[in-house]
Structures are given as C-alpha cells and as structure tokens.
PDB file of all heavy atoms in Angstrom:
ATOM      1  N   MET A   1    -199.623 -70.261 -22.283  1.00  0.00           N
ATOM      2  CA  MET A   1    -199.278 -69.852 -20.920  1.00  0.00           C
ATOM      3  C   MET A   1    -197.766 -69.750 -20.753  1.00  0.00           C
ATOM      4  O   MET A   1    -197.255 -68.779 -20.175  1.00  0.00           O
ATOM      5  CB  MET A   1    -199.862 -70.863 -19.932  1.00  0.00           C
ATOM      6  CG  MET A   1    -199.792 -70.447 -18.479  1.00  0.00           C
ATOM      7  SD  MET A   1    -200.646 -71.622 -17.396  1.00  0.00           S
ATOM      8  CE  MET A   1    -199.618 -73.074 -17.636  1.00  0.00           C
ATOM      9  N   ASN A   2    -197.035 -70.723 -21.274  1.00  0.00           N
ATOM     10  CA  ASN A   2    -195.581 -70.726 -21.142  1.00  0.00           C
ATOM     11  C   ASN A   2    -194.912 -69.585 -21.897  1.00  0.00           C
ATOM     12  O   ASN A   2    -193.803 -69.161 -21.544  1.00  0.00           O
ATOM     13  CB  ASN A   2    -195.010 -72.062 -21.600  1.00  0.00           C
ATOM     14  CG  ASN A   2    -195.370 -73.210 -20.664  1.00  0.00           C
ATOM     15  OD1 ASN A   2    -195.734 -72.984 -19.511  1.00  0.00           O
ATOM     16  ND2 ASN A   2    -195.285 -74.438 -21.156  1.00  0.00           N
ATOM     17  N   GLN A   3    -195.592 -69.102 -22.943  1.00  0.00           N
ATOM     18  CA  GLN A   3    -195.045 -67.998 -23.730  1.00  0.00           C
ATOM     19  C   GLN A   3    -195.537 -66.629 -23.247  1.00  0.00           C
ATOM     20  O   GLN A   3    -195.301 -65.616 -23.898  1.00  0.00           O
ATOM     21  CB  GLN A   3    -195.419 -68.168 -25.205  1.00  0.00           C
ATOM     22  CG  GLN A   3    -194.812 -69.398 -25.860  1.00  0.00           C
ATOM     23  CD  GLN A   3    -195.342 -69.592 -27.276  1.00  0.00           C
ATOM     24  OE1 GLN A   3    -195.011 -68.825 -28.194  1.00  0.00           O
ATOM     25  NE2 GLN A   3    -196.176 -70.604 -27.460  1.00  0.00           N
ATOM     26  N   GLY A   4    -196.231 -66.606 -22.109  1.00  0.00           N
ATOM     27  CA  GLY A   4    -196.724 -65.341 -21.579  1.00  0.00           C
ATOM     28  C   GLY A   4    -197.868 -64.761 -22.374  1.00  0.00           C
ATOM     29  O   GLY A   4    -198.030 -63.541 -22.438  1.00  0.00           O
ATOM     30  N   MET A   5    -198.697 -65.646 -22.965  1.00  0.00           N
ATOM     31  CA  MET A   5    -199.824 -65.178 -23.781  1.00  0.00           C
ATOM     32  C   MET A   5    -201.156 -65.722 -23.279  1.00  0.00           C
ATOM     33  O   MET A   5    -202.153 -65.701 -23.987  1.00  0.00           O
ATOM     34  CB  MET A   5    -199.601 -65.565 -25.249  1.00  0.00           C
ATOM     35  CG  MET A   5    -198.418 -64.845 -25.877  1.00  0.00           C
ATOM     36  SD  MET A   5    -198.254 -65.088 -27.673  1.00  0.00           S
ATOM     37  CE  MET A   5    -197.693 -66.784 -27.729  1.00  0.00           C
ATOM     38  N   LEU A   6    -201.175 -66.201 -22.041  1.00  0.00           N
ATOM     39  CA  LEU A   6    -202.416 -66.601 -21.374  1.00  0.00           C
ATOM     40  C   LEU A   6    -202.241 -66.322 -19.896  1.00  0.00           C
ATOM     41  O   LEU A   6    -201.442 -66.960 -19.220  1.00  0.00           O
ATOM     42  CB  LEU A   6    -202.724 -68.086 -21.613  1.00  0.00           C
ATOM     43  CG  LEU A   6    -204.027 -68.604 -20.990  1.00  0.00           C
ATOM     44  CD1 LEU A   6    -205.234 -67.859 -21.554  1.00  0.00           C
ATOM     45  CD2 LEU A   6    -204.179 -70.105 -21.214  1.00  0.00           C
ATOM     46  N   HIS A   7    -203.022 -65.345 -19.396  1.00  0.00           N
ATOM     47  CA  HIS A   7    -202.829 -64.863 -18.027  1.00  0.00           C
ATOM     48  C   HIS A   7    -204.004 -65.159 -17.098  1.00  0.00           C
ATOM     49  O   HIS A   7    -203.848 -65.102 -15.882  1.00  0.00           O
ATOM     50  CB  HIS A   7    -202.595 -63.346 -18.041  1.00  0.00           C
ATOM     51  CG  HIS A   7    -201.563 -62.909 -19.040  1.00  0.00           C
ATOM     52  ND1 HIS A   7    -201.901 -62.276 -20.211  1.00  0.00           N
ATOM     53  CD2 HIS A   7    -200.224 -63.050 -19.051  1.00  0.00           C
ATOM     54  CE1 HIS A   7    -200.788 -62.010 -20.901  1.00  0.00           C
ATOM     55  NE2 HIS A   7    -199.765 -62.481 -20.225  1.00  0.00           N
ATOM     56  N   GLY A   8    -205.163 -65.438 -17.674  1.00  0.00           N
ATOM     57  CA  GLY A   8    -206.351 -65.649 -16.851  1.00  0.00           C
ATOM     58  C   GLY A   8    -207.337 -66.569 -17.532  1.00  0.00           C
ATOM     59  O   GLY A   8    -207.145 -66.994 -18.682  1.00  0.00           O
ATOM     60  N   ILE A   9    -208.416 -66.876 -16.815  1.00  0.00           N
ATOM     61  CA  ILE A   9    -209.442 -67.777 -17.339  1.00  0.00           C
ATOM     62  C   ILE A   9    -210.786 -67.411 -16.726  1.00  0.00           C
ATOM     63  O   ILE A   9    -210.870 -67.060 -15.543  1.00  0.00           O
ATOM     64  CB  ILE A   9    -209.073 -69.248 -17.037  1.00  0.00           C
ATOM     65  CG1 ILE A   9    -210.019 -70.216 -17.741  1.00  0.00           C
ATOM     66  CG2 ILE A   9    -209.037 -69.515 -15.541  1.00  0.00           C
ATOM     67  CD1 ILE A   9    -209.522 -71.667 -17.708  1.00  0.00           C
ATOM     68  N   GLU A  10    -211.846 -67.463 -17.539  1.00  0.00           N
ATOM     69  CA  GLU A  10    -213.191 -67.245 -17.022  1.00  0.00           C
ATOM     70  C   GLU A  10    -213.651 -68.505 -16.287  1.00  0.00           C
ATOM     71  O   GLU A  10    -213.759 -69.577 -16.897  1.00  0.00           O
ATOM     72  CB  GLU A  10    -214.171 -66.936 -18.152  1.00  0.00           C
ATOM     73  CG  GLU A  10    -214.088 -65.530 -18.677  1.00  0.00           C
ATOM     74  CD  GLU A  10    -215.155 -65.212 -19.706  1.00  0.00           C
ATOM     75  OE1 GLU A  10    -215.701 -66.150 -20.340  1.00  0.00           O
ATOM     76  OE2 GLU A  10    -215.426 -64.012 -19.918  1.00  0.00           O
ATOM     77  N   ILE A  11    -213.928 -68.365 -15.005  1.00  0.00           N
ATOM     78  CA  ILE A  11    -214.542 -69.471 -14.277  1.00  0.00           C
ATOM     79  C   ILE A  11    -216.058 -69.319 -14.274  1.00  0.00           C
ATOM     80  O   ILE A  11    -216.777 -70.265 -13.953  1.00  0.00           O
ATOM     81  CB  ILE A  11    -213.997 -69.588 -12.846  1.00  0.00           C
ATOM     82  CG1 ILE A  11    -214.420 -68.397 -11.982  1.00  0.00           C
ATOM     83  CG2 ILE A  11    -212.480 -69.724 -12.862  1.00  0.00           C
ATOM     84  CD1 ILE A  11    -214.171 -68.602 -10.502  1.00  0.00           C
ATOM     85  N   VAL A  12    -216.521 -68.132 -14.649  1.00  0.00           N
ATOM     86  CA  VAL A  12    -217.947 -67.866 -14.845  1.00  0.00           C
ATOM     87  C   VAL A  12    -218.106 -67.076 -16.127  1.00  0.00           C
ATOM     88  O   VAL A  12    -217.364 -66.124 -16.380  1.00  0.00           O
ATOM     89  CB  VAL A  12    -218.548 -67.073 -13.664  1.00  0.00           C
ATOM     90  CG1 VAL A  12    -219.951 -66.584 -14.008  1.00  0.00           C
ATOM     91  CG2 VAL A  12    -218.582 -67.905 -12.392  1.00  0.00           C
ATOM     92  N   ASN A  13    -219.073 -67.499 -16.956  1.00  0.00           N
ATOM     93  CA  ASN A  13    -219.417 -66.769 -18.172  1.00  0.00           C
ATOM     94  C   ASN A  13    -220.927 -66.774 -18.311  1.00  0.00           C
ATOM     95  O   ASN A  13    -221.569 -67.828 -18.292  1.00  0.00           O
ATOM     96  CB  ASN A  13    -218.769 -67.437 -19.390  1.00  0.00           C
ATOM     97  CG  ASN A  13    -219.185 -66.798 -20.706  1.00  0.00           C
ATOM     98  OD1 ASN A  13    -220.244 -67.082 -21.252  1.00  0.00           O
ATOM     99  ND2 ASN A  13    -218.347 -65.906 -21.211  1.00  0.00           N
ATOM    100  N   TYR A  14    -221.500 -65.579 -18.417  1.00  0.00           N
ATOM    101  CA  TYR A  14    -222.951 -65.401 -18.551  1.00  0.00           C
ATOM    102  C   TYR A  14    -223.662 -66.043 -17.359  1.00  0.00           C
ATOM    103  O   TYR A  14    -223.619 -65.499 -16.258  1.00  0.00           O
ATOM    104  CB  TYR A  14    -223.426 -65.948 -19.893  1.00  0.00           C
ATOM    105  CG  TYR A  14    -224.877 -65.696 -20.209  1.00  0.00           C
ATOM    106  CD1 TYR A  14    -225.453 -64.439 -20.008  1.00  0.00           C
ATOM    107  CD2 TYR A  14    -225.687 -66.715 -20.712  1.00  0.00           C
ATOM    108  CE1 TYR A  14    -226.792 -64.206 -20.304  1.00  0.00           C
ATOM    109  CE2 TYR A  14    -227.028 -66.489 -21.025  1.00  0.00           C
ATOM    110  CZ  TYR A  14    -227.575 -65.239 -20.808  1.00  0.00           C
ATOM    111  OH  TYR A  14    -228.896 -65.011 -21.095  1.00  0.00           O
ATOM    112  N   LYS A  15    -224.290 -67.188 -17.526  1.00  0.00           N
ATOM    113  CA  LYS A  15    -225.000 -67.835 -16.423  1.00  0.00           C
ATOM    114  C   LYS A  15    -224.440 -69.219 -16.120  1.00  0.00           C
ATOM    115  O   LYS A  15    -225.132 -70.077 -15.569  1.00  0.00           O
ATOM    116  CB  LYS A  15    -226.496 -67.918 -16.741  1.00  0.00           C
ATOM    117  CG  LYS A  15    -227.163 -66.544 -16.867  1.00  0.00           C
ATOM    118  CD  LYS A  15    -228.668 -66.643 -17.099  1.00  0.00           C
ATOM    119  CE  LYS A  15    -229.286 -65.253 -17.223  1.00  0.00           C
ATOM    120  NZ  LYS A  15    -230.764 -65.297 -17.400  1.00  0.00           N
ATOM    121  N   GLU A  16    -223.160 -69.418 -16.466  1.00  0.00           N
ATOM    122  CA  GLU A  16    -222.527 -70.719 -16.247  1.00  0.00           C
ATOM    123  C   GLU A  16    -221.278 -70.585 -15.380  1.00  0.00           C
ATOM    124  O   GLU A  16    -220.486 -69.662 -15.563  1.00  0.00           O
ATOM    125  CB  GLU A  16    -222.145 -71.357 -17.585  1.00  0.00           C
ATOM    126  CG  GLU A  16    -223.323 -71.754 -18.450  1.00  0.00           C
ATOM    127  CD  GLU A  16    -222.873 -72.494 -19.694  1.00  0.00           C
ATOM    128  OE1 GLU A  16    -221.814 -72.154 -20.260  1.00  0.00           O
ATOM    129  OE2 GLU A  16    -223.594 -73.416 -20.119  1.00  0.00           O
ATOM    130  N   TYR A  17    -221.127 -71.537 -14.469  1.00  0.00           N
ATOM    131  CA  TYR A  17    -219.942 -71.628 -13.618  1.00  0.00           C
ATOM    132  C   TYR A  17    -219.192 -72.904 -13.997  1.00  0.00           C
ATOM    133  O   TYR A  17    -219.793 -73.966 -14.155  1.00  0.00           O
ATOM    134  CB  TYR A  17    -220.362 -71.659 -12.145  1.00  0.00           C
ATOM    135  CG  TYR A  17    -219.341 -72.243 -11.194  1.00  0.00           C
ATOM    136  CD1 TYR A  17    -218.055 -71.706 -11.080  1.00  0.00           C
ATOM    137  CD2 TYR A  17    -219.670 -73.348 -10.394  1.00  0.00           C
ATOM    138  CE1 TYR A  17    -217.131 -72.256 -10.198  1.00  0.00           C
ATOM    139  CE2 TYR A  17    -218.748 -73.886  -9.512  1.00  0.00           C
ATOM    140  CZ  TYR A  17    -217.486 -73.348  -9.422  1.00  0.00           C
ATOM    141  OH  TYR A  17    -216.575 -73.888  -8.555  1.00  0.00           O
ATOM    142  N   TYR A  18    -217.861 -72.799 -14.127  1.00  0.00           N
ATOM    143  CA  TYR A  18    -217.041 -73.929 -14.547  1.00  0.00           C
ATOM    144  C   TYR A  18    -216.091 -74.333 -13.413  1.00  0.00           C
ATOM    145  O   TYR A  18    -215.011 -73.741 -13.264  1.00  0.00           O
ATOM    146  CB  TYR A  18    -216.225 -73.563 -15.790  1.00  0.00           C
ATOM    147  CG  TYR A  18    -217.028 -72.965 -16.919  1.00  0.00           C
ATOM    148  CD1 TYR A  18    -216.779 -71.661 -17.353  1.00  0.00           C
ATOM    149  CD2 TYR A  18    -218.030 -73.693 -17.551  1.00  0.00           C
ATOM    150  CE1 TYR A  18    -217.506 -71.111 -18.399  1.00  0.00           C
ATOM    151  CE2 TYR A  18    -218.766 -73.141 -18.593  1.00  0.00           C
ATOM    152  CZ  TYR A  18    -218.509 -71.853 -19.017  1.00  0.00           C
ATOM    153  OH  TYR A  18    -219.232 -71.302 -20.045  1.00  0.00           O
ATOM    154  N   PRO A  19    -216.463 -75.340 -12.609  1.00  0.00           N
ATOM    155  CA  PRO A  19    -215.570 -75.765 -11.512  1.00  0.00           C
ATOM    156  C   PRO A  19    -214.193 -76.194 -12.011  1.00  0.00           C
ATOM    157  O   PRO A  19    -213.177 -75.934 -11.335  1.00  0.00           O
ATOM    158  CB  PRO A  19    -216.331 -76.940 -10.884  1.00  0.00           C
ATOM    159  CG  PRO A  19    -217.761 -76.748 -11.284  1.00  0.00           C
ATOM    160  CD  PRO A  19    -217.729 -76.092 -12.618  1.00  0.00           C
ATOM    161  N   ALA A  20    -214.135 -76.851 -13.176  1.00  0.00           N
ATOM    162  CA  ALA A  20    -212.833 -77.294 -13.702  1.00  0.00           C
ATOM    163  C   ALA A  20    -211.930 -76.098 -13.971  1.00  0.00           C
ATOM    164  O   ALA A  20    -210.722 -76.142 -13.699  1.00  0.00           O
ATOM    165  CB  ALA A  20    -213.030 -78.108 -14.976  1.00  0.00           C
ATOM    166  N   ALA A  21    -212.510 -75.017 -14.499  1.00  0.00           N
ATOM    167  CA  ALA A  21    -211.711 -73.819 -14.771  1.00  0.00           C
ATOM    168  C   ALA A  21    -211.216 -73.181 -13.473  1.00  0.00           C
ATOM    169  O   ALA A  21    -210.097 -72.654 -13.416  1.00  0.00           O
ATOM    170  CB  ALA A  21    -212.539 -72.818 -15.582  1.00  0.00           C
ATOM    171  N   PHE A  22    -212.044 -73.212 -12.427  1.00  0.00           N
ATOM    172  CA  PHE A  22    -211.637 -72.704 -11.118  1.00  0.00           C
ATOM    173  C   PHE A  22    -210.422 -73.497 -10.614  1.00  0.00           C
ATOM    174  O   PHE A  22    -209.421 -72.924 -10.153  1.00  0.00           O
ATOM    175  CB  PHE A  22    -212.816 -72.810 -10.152  1.00  0.00           C
ATOM    176  CG  PHE A  22    -212.640 -72.113  -8.828  1.00  0.00           C
ATOM    177  CD1 PHE A  22    -211.557 -71.273  -8.575  1.00  0.00           C
ATOM    178  CD2 PHE A  22    -213.569 -72.295  -7.815  1.00  0.00           C
ATOM    179  CE1 PHE A  22    -211.412 -70.633  -7.347  1.00  0.00           C
ATOM    180  CE2 PHE A  22    -213.444 -71.664  -6.590  1.00  0.00           C
ATOM    181  CZ  PHE A  22    -212.353 -70.842  -6.353  1.00  0.00           C
ATOM    182  N   ALA A  23    -210.497 -74.820 -10.733  1.00  0.00           N
ATOM    183  CA  ALA A  23    -209.386 -75.668 -10.302  1.00  0.00           C
ATOM    184  C   ALA A  23    -208.133 -75.392 -11.128  1.00  0.00           C
ATOM    185  O   ALA A  23    -207.016 -75.321 -10.583  1.00  0.00           O
ATOM    186  CB  ALA A  23    -209.788 -77.140 -10.404  1.00  0.00           C
ATOM    187  N   TRP A  24    -208.286 -75.229 -12.451  1.00  0.00           N
ATOM    188  CA  TRP A  24    -207.129 -74.916 -13.306  1.00  0.00           C
ATOM    189  C   TRP A  24    -206.485 -73.600 -12.892  1.00  0.00           C
ATOM    190  O   TRP A  24    -205.263 -73.483 -12.852  1.00  0.00           O
ATOM    191  CB  TRP A  24    -207.557 -74.823 -14.760  1.00  0.00           C
ATOM    192  CG  TRP A  24    -207.908 -76.120 -15.405  1.00  0.00           C
ATOM    193  CD1 TRP A  24    -207.509 -77.370 -15.024  1.00  0.00           C
ATOM    194  CD2 TRP A  24    -208.740 -76.298 -16.547  1.00  0.00           C
ATOM    195  NE1 TRP A  24    -208.033 -78.309 -15.867  1.00  0.00           N
ATOM    196  CE2 TRP A  24    -208.793 -77.690 -16.805  1.00  0.00           C
ATOM    197  CE3 TRP A  24    -209.450 -75.429 -17.380  1.00  0.00           C
ATOM    198  CZ2 TRP A  24    -209.523 -78.222 -17.867  1.00  0.00           C
ATOM    199  CZ3 TRP A  24    -210.171 -75.954 -18.437  1.00  0.00           C
ATOM    200  CH2 TRP A  24    -210.211 -77.325 -18.667  1.00  0.00           C
ATOM    201  N   ALA A  25    -207.315 -72.598 -12.619  1.00  0.00           N
ATOM    202  CA  ALA A  25    -206.779 -71.281 -12.263  1.00  0.00           C
ATOM    203  C   ALA A  25    -205.899 -71.369 -11.025  1.00  0.00           C
ATOM    204  O   ALA A  25    -204.826 -70.760 -10.962  1.00  0.00           O
ATOM    205  CB  ALA A  25    -207.919 -70.293 -12.045  1.00  0.00           C
ATOM    206  N   LEU A  26    -206.350 -72.136 -10.026  1.00  0.00           N
ATOM    207  CA  LEU A  26    -205.565 -72.295  -8.806  1.00  0.00           C
ATOM    208  C   LEU A  26    -204.307 -73.122  -9.071  1.00  0.00           C
ATOM    209  O   LEU A  26    -203.222 -72.788  -8.586  1.00  0.00           O
ATOM    210  CB  LEU A  26    -206.416 -72.956  -7.726  1.00  0.00           C
ATOM    211  CG  LEU A  26    -207.674 -72.187  -7.288  1.00  0.00           C
ATOM    212  CD1 LEU A  26    -208.466 -73.012  -6.283  1.00  0.00           C
ATOM    213  CD2 LEU A  26    -207.327 -70.826  -6.708  1.00  0.00           C
ATOM    214  N   GLU A  27    -204.457 -74.167  -9.850  1.00  0.00           N
ATOM    215  CA  GLU A  27    -203.334 -75.064 -10.124  1.00  0.00           C
ATOM    216  C   GLU A  27    -202.260 -74.397 -10.983  1.00  0.00           C
ATOM    217  O   GLU A  27    -201.060 -74.555 -10.739  1.00  0.00           O
ATOM    218  CB  GLU A  27    -203.856 -76.314 -10.839  1.00  0.00           C
ATOM    219  CG  GLU A  27    -202.782 -77.267 -11.346  1.00  0.00           C
ATOM    220  CD  GLU A  27    -203.342 -78.302 -12.302  1.00  0.00           C
ATOM    221  OE1 GLU A  27    -204.581 -78.515 -12.313  1.00  0.00           O
ATOM    222  OE2 GLU A  27    -202.543 -78.903 -13.042  1.00  0.00           O
ATOM    223  N   LYS A  28    -202.686 -73.613 -11.979  1.00  0.00           N
ATOM    224  CA  LYS A  28    -201.757 -73.055 -12.964  1.00  0.00           C
ATOM    225  C   LYS A  28    -201.438 -71.584 -12.705  1.00  0.00           C
ATOM    226  O   LYS A  28    -200.766 -70.939 -13.506  1.00  0.00           O
ATOM    227  CB  LYS A  28    -202.340 -73.245 -14.367  1.00  0.00           C
ATOM    228  CG  LYS A  28    -202.622 -74.707 -14.701  1.00  0.00           C
ATOM    229  CD  LYS A  28    -203.329 -74.866 -16.042  1.00  0.00           C
ATOM    230  CE  LYS A  28    -203.807 -76.298 -16.260  1.00  0.00           C
ATOM    231  NZ  LYS A  28    -202.694 -77.267 -16.281  1.00  0.00           N
ATOM    232  N   ASP A  29    -201.956 -71.063 -11.589  1.00  0.00           N
ATOM    233  CA  ASP A  29    -201.673 -69.690 -11.165  1.00  0.00           C
ATOM    234  C   ASP A  29    -202.159 -68.663 -12.188  1.00  0.00           C
ATOM    235  O   ASP A  29    -201.426 -67.769 -12.610  1.00  0.00           O
ATOM    236  CB  ASP A  29    -200.181 -69.495 -10.904  1.00  0.00           C
ATOM    237  CG  ASP A  29    -199.909 -68.308  -9.985  1.00  0.00           C
ATOM    238  OD1 ASP A  29    -200.802 -67.968  -9.192  1.00  0.00           O
ATOM    239  OD2 ASP A  29    -198.818 -67.732 -10.066  1.00  0.00           O
ATOM    240  N   LEU A  30    -203.425 -68.803 -12.579  1.00  0.00           N
ATOM    241  CA  LEU A  30    -204.058 -67.884 -13.515  1.00  0.00           C
ATOM    242  C   LEU A  30    -205.032 -66.967 -12.771  1.00  0.00           C
ATOM    243  O   LEU A  30    -205.558 -67.314 -11.717  1.00  0.00           O
ATOM    244  CB  LEU A  30    -204.821 -68.655 -14.600  1.00  0.00           C
ATOM    245  CG  LEU A  30    -203.978 -69.521 -15.530  1.00  0.00           C
ATOM    246  CD1 LEU A  30    -204.877 -70.422 -16.374  1.00  0.00           C
ATOM    247  CD2 LEU A  30    -203.097 -68.657 -16.438  1.00  0.00           C
ATOM    248  N   THR A  31    -205.276 -65.806 -13.349  1.00  0.00           N
ATOM    249  CA  THR A  31    -206.234 -64.854 -12.774  1.00  0.00           C
ATOM    250  C   THR A  31    -207.655 -65.363 -12.955  1.00  0.00           C
ATOM    251  O   THR A  31    -208.025 -65.840 -14.029  1.00  0.00           O
ATOM    252  CB  THR A  31    -206.075 -63.481 -13.435  1.00  0.00           C
ATOM    253  OG1 THR A  31    -204.726 -63.031 -13.250  1.00  0.00           O
ATOM    254  CG2 THR A  31    -207.032 -62.465 -12.837  1.00  0.00           C
ATOM    255  N   LEU A  32    -208.461 -65.243 -11.896  1.00  0.00           N
ATOM    256  CA  LEU A  32    -209.861 -65.662 -11.925  1.00  0.00           C
ATOM    257  C   LEU A  32    -210.722 -64.536 -12.477  1.00  0.00           C
ATOM    258  O   LEU A  32    -210.633 -63.395 -12.011  1.00  0.00           O
ATOM    259  CB  LEU A  32    -210.338 -66.005 -10.520  1.00  0.00           C
ATOM    260  CG  LEU A  32    -209.588 -67.107  -9.769  1.00  0.00           C
ATOM    261  CD1 LEU A  32    -209.938 -67.048  -8.288  1.00  0.00           C
ATOM    262  CD2 LEU A  32    -209.938 -68.463 -10.327  1.00  0.00           C
ATOM    263  N   LEU A  33    -211.600 -64.876 -13.442  1.00  0.00           N
ATOM    264  CA  LEU A  33    -212.500 -63.879 -14.004  1.00  0.00           C
ATOM    265  C   LEU A  33    -213.912 -64.430 -14.124  1.00  0.00           C
ATOM    266  O   LEU A  33    -214.109 -65.625 -14.363  1.00  0.00           O
ATOM    267  CB  LEU A  33    -212.018 -63.422 -15.385  1.00  0.00           C
ATOM    268  CG  LEU A  33    -210.661 -62.725 -15.372  1.00  0.00           C
ATOM    269  CD1 LEU A  33    -209.653 -63.513 -16.171  1.00  0.00           C
ATOM    270  CD2 LEU A  33    -210.758 -61.300 -15.887  1.00  0.00           C
ATOM    271  N   GLY A  34    -214.887 -63.540 -13.966  1.00  0.00           N
ATOM    272  CA  GLY A  34    -216.288 -63.855 -14.190  1.00  0.00           C
ATOM    273  C   GLY A  34    -216.931 -62.691 -14.914  1.00  0.00           C
ATOM    274  O   GLY A  34    -216.894 -61.561 -14.418  1.00  0.00           O
ATOM    275  N   ASN A  35    -217.506 -62.942 -16.088  1.00  0.00           N
ATOM    276  CA  ASN A  35    -218.009 -61.861 -16.942  1.00  0.00           C
ATOM    277  C   ASN A  35    -219.349 -62.224 -17.561  1.00  0.00           C
ATOM    278  O   ASN A  35    -219.730 -63.399 -17.608  1.00  0.00           O
ATOM    279  CB  ASN A  35    -216.994 -61.564 -18.051  1.00  0.00           C
ATOM    280  CG  ASN A  35    -215.637 -61.167 -17.514  1.00  0.00           C
ATOM    281  OD1 ASN A  35    -215.525 -60.237 -16.730  1.00  0.00           O
ATOM    282  ND2 ASN A  35    -214.595 -61.892 -17.909  1.00  0.00           N
TER     283      ASN A  35
END
C-alpha cells in the first residue's frame, strides 16, 4: 500500500462477506470491491 501497489480490497468474494476487510478499507482508504 505504501509503495502504491495496493489500491483496493474485496469485501465480498463469491458468496462470502468479510466485515474485517470492510473495516480495513475504511480505515486505510482503500477502494471497496465485491466480485
């Protein structure tokens, strides 16, 4: 992230939701994705 090589995070993948990833995205200013 500090080197500009991590811009987003999946908070949802397939049929799973990750609350921790949602919190990280807000805390670390990452783009929210669900795929």
